[in-house]
Amino acid sequence: MIVSSFAEKDEKDNLYIAAAVIDQTGELLGVLRKSLLWGRENEIFTMGEIKYPIIETKHAKIGVLICYEMEFPEPSRLLALEGAELIVCPSVWSVAASRRWDIQLPARALDNSIFIMGINTVGNNTCGKSKLVSPMGDILVEASDSREEVLLRAVDIHSIYWARDENRYLEDYRCKLTPGGQSIPIPLI
């Protein structure tokens, strides 16, 4: 599976930050547009529709968050509640954001008992450190902060269910998230 981010132009000349998901046969499984733009990105790019679909692959149910979308807990929670087993996050996080990258990826994985694959660029003031995080928040493999690398790691995707039995965050969550990411409390009866 390949997840690659790119700039996409639609028929009205709107420019989006997007990510394509391609399976092992080369079939395009989906294209997702970034819905949470960072800083001045909105001066160049158009915000995508706020939706976080699950893409079924041969090996796992995946969700995609693009860069800044990982900084908010709600999108990853929506994906986990919809059945995602892995979230892939292509990114361009800066050196200044390195500490947040190191904290937020494991936090999102642990909070949702889900695998997180954070893919980040190196060079040009970016922090690198692409990583695969387990559903328990452990870093399984991490790349350098200064050179391009290929990371390989086999995982048992079903270990998310053990993690969800161990930490019942999704089951005990007392709010409902709307498709737009709004959190609505569920009254205790």
C-alpha atoms as a PDB file:
ATOM      1  CA  MET A   1       0.000   0.000   0.000  1.00  0.00           C
ATOM      2  CA  ILE A   2       1.177   3.512  -0.799  1.00  0.00           C
ATOM      3  CA  VAL A   3      -0.179   6.699   0.735  1.00  0.00           C
ATOM      4  CA  SER A   4       1.176   9.789  -0.973  1.00  0.00           C
ATOM      5  CA  SER A   5       0.281  13.427  -0.506  1.00  0.00           C
ATOM      6  CA  PHE A   6       0.122  15.893  -3.373  1.00  0.00           C
ATOM      7  CA  ALA A   7      -1.474  19.150  -4.534  1.00  0.00           C
ATOM      8  CA  GLU A   8      -4.727  18.467  -6.409  1.00  0.00           C
ATOM      9  CA  LYS A   9      -6.561  20.912  -8.681  1.00  0.00           C
ATOM     10  CA  ASP A  10     -10.266  20.410  -9.336  1.00  0.00           C
ATOM     11  CA  GLU A  11     -12.317  21.379 -12.403  1.00  0.00           C
ATOM     12  CA  LYS A  12     -12.939  24.862 -10.915  1.00  0.00           C
ATOM     13  CA  ASP A  13      -9.175  25.429 -10.414  1.00  0.00           C
ATOM     14  CA  ASN A  14      -9.444  25.058  -6.618  1.00  0.00           C
ATOM     15  CA  LEU A  15      -6.194  23.721  -5.201  1.00  0.00           C
ATOM     16  CA  TYR A  16      -6.299  21.136  -2.389  1.00  0.00           C
ATOM     17  CA  ILE A  17      -3.754  19.338  -0.250  1.00  0.00           C
ATOM     18  CA  ALA A  18      -4.682  15.716  -0.905  1.00  0.00           C
ATOM     19  CA  ALA A  19      -3.529  12.167  -0.281  1.00  0.00           C
ATOM     20  CA  ALA A  20      -3.960   9.145  -2.534  1.00  0.00           C
ATOM     21  CA  VAL A  21      -4.209   5.577  -1.262  1.00  0.00           C
ATOM     22  CA  ILE A  22      -2.941   2.967  -3.742  1.00  0.00           C
ATOM     23  CA  ASP A  23      -2.991  -0.792  -3.145  1.00  0.00           C
ATOM     24  CA  GLN A  24      -0.307  -3.361  -4.001  1.00  0.00           C
ATOM     25  CA  THR A  25      -1.781  -3.883  -7.503  1.00  0.00           C
ATOM     26  CA  GLY A  26      -1.600  -0.174  -8.325  1.00  0.00           C
ATOM     27  CA  GLU A  27      -5.347   0.397  -7.951  1.00  0.00           C
ATOM     28  CA  LEU A  28      -6.325   3.811  -6.617  1.00  0.00           C
ATOM     29  CA  LEU A  29      -8.481   3.138  -3.540  1.00  0.00           C
ATOM     30  CA  GLY A  30      -9.230   6.732  -2.721  1.00  0.00           C
ATOM     31  CA  VAL A  31      -8.197  10.366  -2.680  1.00  0.00           C
ATOM     32  CA  LEU A  32      -8.786  12.426   0.449  1.00  0.00           C
ATOM     33  CA  ARG A  33      -8.547  16.208   0.765  1.00  0.00           C
ATOM     34  CA  LYS A  34      -7.158  17.956   3.832  1.00  0.00           C
ATOM     35  CA  SER A  35     -10.011  19.558   5.768  1.00  0.00           C
ATOM     36  CA  LEU A  36      -8.057  21.347   8.511  1.00  0.00           C
ATOM     37  CA  LEU A  37      -5.632  23.834   6.986  1.00  0.00           C
ATOM     38  CA  TRP A  38      -2.684  25.081   9.007  1.00  0.00           C
ATOM     39  CA  GLY A  39      -1.616  28.714   9.324  1.00  0.00           C
ATOM     40  CA  ARG A  40      -1.594  30.480   5.980  1.00  0.00           C
ATOM     41  CA  GLU A  41      -2.285  27.368   3.881  1.00  0.00           C
ATOM     42  CA  ASN A  42      -5.769  28.789   3.246  1.00  0.00           C
ATOM     43  CA  GLU A  43      -4.164  31.575   1.191  1.00  0.00           C
ATOM     44  CA  ILE A  44      -3.222  28.955  -1.433  1.00  0.00           C
ATOM     45  CA  PHE A  45      -5.352  25.883  -0.761  1.00  0.00           C
ATOM     46  CA  THR A  46      -9.074  25.220  -0.435  1.00  0.00           C
ATOM     47  CA  MET A  47     -10.350  23.353   2.606  1.00  0.00           C
ATOM     48  CA  GLY A  48     -11.606  19.863   1.784  1.00  0.00           C
ATOM     49  CA  GLU A  49     -14.941  18.569   2.998  1.00  0.00           C
ATOM     50  CA  ILE A  50     -14.824  17.460   6.638  1.00  0.00           C
ATOM     51  CA  LYS A  51     -15.137  13.712   6.281  1.00  0.00           C
ATOM     52  CA  TYR A  52     -12.888  10.883   7.336  1.00  0.00           C
ATOM     53  CA  PRO A  53     -13.739   7.715   5.382  1.00  0.00           C
ATOM     54  CA  ILE A  54     -12.397   4.247   6.077  1.00  0.00           C
ATOM     55  CA  ILE A  55     -10.537   2.648   3.178  1.00  0.00           C
ATOM     56  CA  GLU A  56     -10.639  -1.139   3.119  1.00  0.00           C
ATOM     57  CA  THR A  57      -7.385  -2.734   2.004  1.00  0.00           C
ATOM     58  CA  LYS A  58      -6.311  -6.354   1.804  1.00  0.00           C
ATOM     59  CA  HIS A  59      -4.533  -6.077   5.146  1.00  0.00           C
ATOM     60  CA  ALA A  60      -6.358  -3.460   7.222  1.00  0.00           C
ATOM     61  CA  LYS A  61      -9.063  -0.838   7.443  1.00  0.00           C
ATOM     62  CA  ILE A  62      -7.225   2.453   7.184  1.00  0.00           C
ATOM     63  CA  GLY A  63      -7.943   6.101   7.685  1.00  0.00           C
ATOM     64  CA  VAL A  64      -5.861   8.984   6.426  1.00  0.00           C
ATOM     65  CA  LEU A  65      -5.206  12.256   8.202  1.00  0.00           C
ATOM     66  CA  ILE A  66      -3.054  14.825   6.456  1.00  0.00           C
ATOM     67  CA  CYS A  67      -0.430  16.630   8.537  1.00  0.00           C
ATOM     68  CA  TYR A  68      -2.153  19.206  10.808  1.00  0.00           C
ATOM     69  CA  GLU A  69      -5.304  17.059  11.080  1.00  0.00           C
ATOM     70  CA  MET A  70      -3.350  14.774  13.457  1.00  0.00           C
ATOM     71  CA  GLU A  71      -3.013  17.643  15.951  1.00  0.00           C
ATOM     72  CA  PHE A  72      -6.715  17.424  16.794  1.00  0.00           C
ATOM     73  CA  PRO A  73      -8.037  14.420  18.758  1.00  0.00           C
ATOM     74  CA  GLU A  74     -11.462  14.314  17.080  1.00  0.00           C
ATOM     75  CA  PRO A  75     -10.505  13.165  13.547  1.00  0.00           C
ATOM     76  CA  SER A  76      -8.561  10.161  14.841  1.00  0.00           C
ATOM     77  CA  ARG A  77     -11.404   9.358  17.260  1.00  0.00           C
ATOM     78  CA  LEU A  78     -13.928   9.495  14.401  1.00  0.00           C
ATOM     79  CA  LEU A  79     -11.793   7.084  12.369  1.00  0.00           C
ATOM     80  CA  ALA A  80     -11.382   4.702  15.314  1.00  0.00           C
ATOM     81  CA  LEU A  81     -15.118   4.728  16.059  1.00  0.00           C
ATOM     82  CA  GLU A  82     -15.788   3.942  12.380  1.00  0.00           C
ATOM     83  CA  GLY A  83     -13.530   0.877  12.575  1.00  0.00           C
ATOM     84  CA  ALA A  84     -10.124   2.052  11.357  1.00  0.00           C
ATOM     85  CA  GLU A  85      -7.256  -0.192  12.420  1.00  0.00           C
ATOM     86  CA  LEU A  86      -4.469   2.026  11.083  1.00  0.00           C
ATOM     87  CA  ILE A  87      -4.244   5.773  10.521  1.00  0.00           C
ATOM     88  CA  VAL A  88      -1.654   6.939   8.005  1.00  0.00           C
ATOM     89  CA  CYS A  89      -0.577  10.562   8.289  1.00  0.00           C
ATOM     90  CA  PRO A  90       1.570  12.038   5.473  1.00  0.00           C
ATOM     91  CA  SER A  91       3.068  15.254   6.845  1.00  0.00           C
ATOM     92  CA  VAL A  92       5.459  18.155   6.587  1.00  0.00           C
ATOM     93  CA  TRP A  93       6.074  18.925  10.279  1.00  0.00           C
ATOM     94  CA  SER A  94       8.736  21.518  11.048  1.00  0.00           C
ATOM     95  CA  VAL A  95      11.694  21.228  13.397  1.00  0.00           C
ATOM     96  CA  ALA A  96       9.823  23.613  15.722  1.00  0.00           C
ATOM     97  CA  ALA A  97       6.916  21.115  15.839  1.00  0.00           C
ATOM     98  CA  SER A  98       9.154  18.101  16.539  1.00  0.00           C
ATOM     99  CA  ARG A  99       8.129  17.781  20.190  1.00  0.00           C
ATOM    100  CA  ARG A 100       4.422  17.814  19.278  1.00  0.00           C
ATOM    101  CA  TRP A 101       5.082  15.148  16.591  1.00  0.00           C
ATOM    102  CA  ASP A 102       6.760  12.979  19.239  1.00  0.00           C
ATOM    103  CA  ILE A 103       3.898  13.418  21.724  1.00  0.00           C
ATOM    104  CA  GLN A 104       0.769  13.562  19.581  1.00  0.00           C
ATOM    105  CA  LEU A 105       1.283  10.482  17.410  1.00  0.00           C
ATOM    106  CA  PRO A 106       1.675   8.117  20.402  1.00  0.00           C
ATOM    107  CA  ALA A 107      -1.174   9.927  22.196  1.00  0.00           C
ATOM    108  CA  ARG A 108      -3.562   9.448  19.250  1.00  0.00           C
ATOM    109  CA  ALA A 109      -2.550   5.782  18.983  1.00  0.00           C
ATOM    110  CA  LEU A 110      -3.068   5.147  22.711  1.00  0.00           C
ATOM    111  CA  ASP A 111      -6.279   7.200  23.007  1.00  0.00           C
ATOM    112  CA  ASN A 112      -7.879   5.203  20.202  1.00  0.00           C
ATOM    113  CA  SER A 113      -6.133   1.808  20.511  1.00  0.00           C
ATOM    114  CA  ILE A 114      -5.053   2.060  16.892  1.00  0.00           C
ATOM    115  CA  PHE A 115      -1.852   1.888  14.848  1.00  0.00           C
ATOM    116  CA  ILE A 116      -0.539   5.259  13.656  1.00  0.00           C
ATOM    117  CA  MET A 117       1.940   5.603  10.788  1.00  0.00           C
ATOM    118  CA  GLY A 118       3.294   9.137  10.727  1.00  0.00           C
ATOM    119  CA  ILE A 119       5.205   9.913   7.531  1.00  0.00           C
ATOM    120  CA  ASN A 120       7.217  13.125   7.613  1.00  0.00           C
ATOM    121  CA  THR A 121       9.677  14.827   5.295  1.00  0.00           C
ATOM    122  CA  VAL A 122      13.336  15.484   6.137  1.00  0.00           C
ATOM    123  CA  GLY A 123      15.389  18.546   5.274  1.00  0.00           C
ATOM    124  CA  ASN A 124      14.282  22.135   4.614  1.00  0.00           C
ATOM    125  CA  ASN A 125      13.565  22.741   8.313  1.00  0.00           C
ATOM    126  CA  THR A 126      11.351  19.646   8.767  1.00  0.00           C
ATOM    127  CA  CYS A 127      11.798  17.250  11.676  1.00  0.00           C
ATOM    128  CA  GLY A 128      11.712  13.878   9.877  1.00  0.00           C
ATOM    129  CA  LYS A 129      11.215  11.035  12.356  1.00  0.00           C
ATOM    130  CA  SER A 130       8.595   9.080  10.424  1.00  0.00           C
ATOM    131  CA  LYS A 131       7.314   6.425  12.798  1.00  0.00           C
ATOM    132  CA  LEU A 132       4.958   3.533  13.369  1.00  0.00           C
ATOM    133  CA  VAL A 133       3.188   3.623  16.730  1.00  0.00           C
ATOM    134  CA  SER A 134       1.402   0.680  18.365  1.00  0.00           C
ATOM    135  CA  PRO A 135      -2.152   0.788  19.772  1.00  0.00           C
ATOM    136  CA  MET A 136      -0.531   1.013  23.226  1.00  0.00           C
ATOM    137  CA  GLY A 137       1.402   4.154  22.228  1.00  0.00           C
ATOM    138  CA  ASP A 138       4.788   2.452  21.820  1.00  0.00           C
ATOM    139  CA  ILE A 139       7.116   3.516  19.001  1.00  0.00           C
ATOM    140  CA  LEU A 140       7.659   0.323  16.988  1.00  0.00           C
ATOM    141  CA  VAL A 141      10.057   1.832  14.454  1.00  0.00           C
ATOM    142  CA  GLU A 142      11.282   5.377  13.824  1.00  0.00           C
ATOM    143  CA  ALA A 143      13.290   6.989  11.035  1.00  0.00           C
ATOM    144  CA  SER A 144      16.076   9.513  11.295  1.00  0.00           C
ATOM    145  CA  ASP A 145      15.455  13.216  11.743  1.00  0.00           C
ATOM    146  CA  SER A 146      17.986  14.094   9.047  1.00  0.00           C
ATOM    147  CA  ARG A 147      18.032  11.547   6.203  1.00  0.00           C
ATOM    148  CA  GLU A 148      15.536   9.688   4.042  1.00  0.00           C
ATOM    149  CA  GLU A 149      14.908   6.085   5.071  1.00  0.00           C
ATOM    150  CA  VAL A 150      12.553   3.221   4.323  1.00  0.00           C
ATOM    151  CA  LEU A 151      10.879   1.726   7.386  1.00  0.00           C
ATOM    152  CA  LEU A 152       9.722  -1.887   7.389  1.00  0.00           C
ATOM    153  CA  ARG A 153       7.882  -3.514  10.257  1.00  0.00           C
ATOM    154  CA  ALA A 154       5.455  -6.426  10.333  1.00  0.00           C
ATOM    155  CA  VAL A 155       2.574  -6.000  12.768  1.00  0.00           C
ATOM    156  CA  ASP A 156      -0.366  -8.079  13.904  1.00  0.00           C
ATOM    157  CA  ILE A 157      -3.227  -5.760  12.999  1.00  0.00           C
ATOM    158  CA  HIS A 158      -5.501  -7.752  15.303  1.00  0.00           C
ATOM    159  CA  SER A 159      -3.497  -6.595  18.337  1.00  0.00           C
ATOM    160  CA  ILE A 160      -5.695  -3.495  18.336  1.00  0.00           C
ATOM    161  CA  TYR A 161      -8.481  -5.657  19.738  1.00  0.00           C
ATOM    162  CA  TRP A 162      -6.276  -6.780  22.635  1.00  0.00           C
ATOM    163  CA  ALA A 163      -5.372  -3.121  23.230  1.00  0.00           C
ATOM    164  CA  ARG A 164      -9.064  -2.172  23.188  1.00  0.00           C
ATOM    165  CA  ASP A 165      -9.805  -4.822  25.806  1.00  0.00           C
ATOM    166  CA  GLU A 166      -6.905  -3.545  27.918  1.00  0.00           C
ATOM    167  CA  ASN A 167      -7.803   0.161  27.568  1.00  0.00           C
ATOM    168  CA  ARG A 168     -11.521   0.572  27.012  1.00  0.00           C
ATOM    169  CA  TYR A 169     -11.362   4.200  25.857  1.00  0.00           C
ATOM    170  CA  LEU A 170     -13.611   3.732  22.836  1.00  0.00           C
ATOM    171  CA  GLU A 171     -16.189   1.706  24.748  1.00  0.00           C
ATOM    172  CA  ASP A 172     -16.249   4.057  27.745  1.00  0.00           C
ATOM    173  CA  TYR A 173     -16.360   7.255  25.677  1.00  0.00           C
ATOM    174  CA  ARG A 174     -19.467   9.178  26.753  1.00  0.00           C
ATOM    175  CA  CYS A 175     -19.811  11.474  23.756  1.00  0.00           C
ATOM    176  CA  LYS A 176     -20.987  11.017  20.223  1.00  0.00           C
ATOM    177  CA  LEU A 177     -19.035  12.657  17.424  1.00  0.00           C
ATOM    178  CA  THR A 178     -20.960  14.005  14.469  1.00  0.00           C
ATOM    179  CA  PRO A 179     -19.542  13.530  10.945  1.00  0.00           C
ATOM    180  CA  GLY A 180     -18.307  17.139  11.184  1.00  0.00           C
ATOM    181  CA  GLY A 181     -16.352  16.335  14.350  1.00  0.00           C
ATOM    182  CA  GLN A 182     -18.672  17.997  16.883  1.00  0.00           C
ATOM    183  CA  SER A 183     -18.701  16.254  20.264  1.00  0.00           C
ATOM    184  CA  ILE A 184     -22.175  15.736  21.756  1.00  0.00           C
ATOM    185  CA  PRO A 185     -22.431  14.373  25.335  1.00  0.00           C
ATOM    186  CA  ILE A 186     -24.445  11.198  25.773  1.00  0.00           C
ATOM    187  CA  PRO A 187     -26.537  11.392  28.954  1.00  0.00           C
ATOM    188  CA  LEU A 188     -26.026   8.644  31.508  1.00  0.00           C
ATOM    189  CA  ILE A 189     -29.273   6.787  32.124  1.00  0.00           C
END
